[in-house]
C-alpha atoms as a PDB file:
ATOM      1  CA  UNK A   1      11.434  80.641  11.984  1.00  0.00           C
ATOM      2  CA  UNK A   2      11.107  85.427  11.524  1.00  0.00           C
ATOM      3  CA  UNK A   3       8.247  84.655  13.644  1.00  0.00           C
ATOM      4  CA  UNK A   4      10.305  83.483  16.107  1.00  0.00           C
ATOM      5  CA  UNK A   5      13.360  85.937  15.684  1.00  0.00           C
ATOM      6  CA  UNK A   6      11.155  88.685  15.538  1.00  0.00           C
ATOM      7  CA  UNK A   7       8.821  87.891  18.920  1.00  0.00           C
ATOM      8  CA  UNK A   8      12.102  87.375  20.843  1.00  0.00           C
ATOM      9  CA  UNK A   9      13.159  90.908  18.948  1.00  0.00           C
ATOM     10  CA  UNK A  10      10.067  92.570  20.570  1.00  0.00           C
ATOM     11  CA  UNK A  11      10.638  90.976  24.079  1.00  0.00           C
ATOM     12  CA  UNK A  12      13.885  92.400  23.813  1.00  0.00           C
ATOM     13  CA  UNK A  13      13.128  95.526  22.817  1.00  0.00           C
ATOM     14  CA  UNK A  14       9.788  95.764  25.150  1.00  0.00           C
ATOM     15  CA  UNK A  15      12.126  94.552  28.267  1.00  0.00           C
ATOM     16  CA  UNK A  16      14.715  97.506  27.304  1.00  0.00           C
ATOM     17  CA  UNK A  17      11.751 100.231  27.408  1.00  0.00           C
ATOM     18  CA  UNK A  18      10.357  98.939  30.705  1.00  0.00           C
ATOM     19  CA  UNK A  19      14.385  98.936  32.092  1.00  0.00           C
ATOM     20  CA  UNK A  20      14.303 102.660  30.516  1.00  0.00           C
ATOM     21  CA  UNK A  21      10.843 103.475  32.127  1.00  0.00           C
ATOM     22  CA  UNK A  22      12.400 102.086  36.027  1.00  0.00           C
ATOM     23  CA  UNK A  23      15.310 103.857  35.427  1.00  0.00           C
ATOM     24  CA  UNK A  24      13.374 107.443  34.504  1.00  0.00           C
ATOM     25  CA  UNK A  25      10.744 106.959  37.460  1.00  0.00           C
ATOM     26  CA  UNK A  26      13.520 106.547  40.054  1.00  0.00           C
ATOM     27  CA  UNK A  27      15.105 109.496  39.166  1.00  0.00           C
ATOM     28  CA  UNK A  28      12.256 111.543  39.526  1.00  0.00           C
ATOM     29  CA  UNK A  29      12.367 110.854  43.587  1.00  0.00           C
ATOM     30  CA  UNK A  30      14.260 113.912  44.223  1.00  0.00           C
ATOM     31  CA  UNK A  31      10.279 115.630  43.606  1.00  0.00           C
ATOM     32  CA  UNK A  32      10.052 114.019  47.135  1.00  0.00           C
ATOM     33  CA  UNK A  33      12.219 117.019  49.025  1.00  0.00           C
ATOM     34  CA  UNK A  34      10.923 120.046  47.417  1.00  0.00           C
ATOM     35  CA  UNK A  35       7.501 118.833  48.227  1.00  0.00           C
ATOM     36  CA  UNK A  36       8.752 118.468  52.117  1.00  0.00           C
ATOM     37  CA  UNK A  37      10.050 122.015  51.875  1.00  0.00           C
ATOM     38  CA  UNK A  38       6.908 123.589  50.578  1.00  0.00           C
ATOM     39  CA  UNK A  39       5.084 122.026  53.404  1.00  0.00           C
ATOM     40  CA  UNK A  40       7.605 123.101  56.032  1.00  0.00           C
ATOM     41  CA  UNK A  41       7.082 126.858  54.005  1.00  0.00           C
ATOM     42  CA  UNK A  42       3.685 126.240  54.622  1.00  0.00           C
ATOM     43  CA  UNK A  43       3.454 125.526  58.111  1.00  0.00           C
ATOM     44  CA  UNK A  44       5.390 127.867  58.914  1.00  0.00           C
ATOM     45  CA  UNK A  45       3.774 130.514  57.553  1.00  0.00           C
ATOM     46  CA  UNK A  46       0.619 129.000  59.140  1.00  0.00           C
ATOM     47  CA  UNK A  47       2.419 129.417  62.675  1.00  0.00           C
ATOM     48  CA  UNK A  48       3.428 133.288  61.941  1.00  0.00           C
ATOM     49  CA  UNK A  49      -0.244 133.750  61.726  1.00  0.00           C
ATOM     50  CA  UNK A  50      -1.574 132.107  64.667  1.00  0.00           C
ATOM     51  CA  UNK A  51       1.162 133.479  66.616  1.00  0.00           C
ATOM     52  CA  UNK A  52       0.243 137.455  65.257  1.00  0.00           C
ATOM     53  CA  UNK A  53      -3.740 136.062  66.341  1.00  0.00           C
ATOM     54  CA  UNK A  54      -2.589 134.733  69.562  1.00  0.00           C
ATOM     55  CA  UNK A  55      -0.709 137.918  70.645  1.00  0.00           C
ATOM     56  CA  UNK A  56      -2.938 140.479  69.393  1.00  0.00           C
ATOM     57  CA  UNK A  57      -4.620 142.228  71.958  1.00  0.00           C
ATOM     58  CA  UNK A  58      -8.129 140.899  71.838  1.00  0.00           C
ATOM     59  CA  UNK A  59      -7.193 137.032  72.131  1.00  0.00           C
ATOM     60  CA  UNK A  60      -4.289 138.106  74.468  1.00  0.00           C
ATOM     61  CA  UNK A  61      -6.625 139.463  77.235  1.00  0.00           C
ATOM     62  CA  UNK A  62      -9.486 137.002  76.533  1.00  0.00           C
ATOM     63  CA  UNK A  63      -6.608 134.054  77.228  1.00  0.00           C
ATOM     64  CA  UNK A  64      -5.907 136.230  80.439  1.00  0.00           C
ATOM     65  CA  UNK A  65      -8.642 136.411  81.429  1.00  0.00           C
ATOM     66  CA  UNK A  66      -9.625 132.489  81.137  1.00  0.00           C
ATOM     67  CA  UNK A  67      -6.163 131.807  82.609  1.00  0.00           C
ATOM     68  CA  UNK A  68      -7.185 134.220  85.710  1.00  0.00           C
ATOM     69  CA  UNK A  69     -10.283 132.240  85.998  1.00  0.00           C
ATOM     70  CA  UNK A  70      -9.194 129.560  86.010  1.00  0.00           C
ATOM     71  CA  UNK A  71      -6.382 129.882  88.872  1.00  0.00           C
ATOM     72  CA  UNK A  72      -9.174 131.731  91.016  1.00  0.00           C
ATOM     73  CA  UNK A  73     -11.232 128.733  90.627  1.00  0.00           C
ATOM     74  CA  UNK A  74     -12.332 126.627  94.376  1.00  0.00           C
ATOM     75  CA  UNK A  75     -10.813 123.100  94.610  1.00  0.00           C
END
């Protein structure tokens, strides 16, 4: 009898522990928002660096040269 009660009590406690674990995992779901925010900040920083490179003198002149050659090409 004692072993049956102990087994049922253990099953009840183990079930409660897993329920607490599930709740704790659900509370951690808010971390996704901060990860998205960090991704957006990184993307904006990359865009700023890319903009600075493209609008620099040497790159801008080279891009204008490519466009002029494309418009001057015979078809």
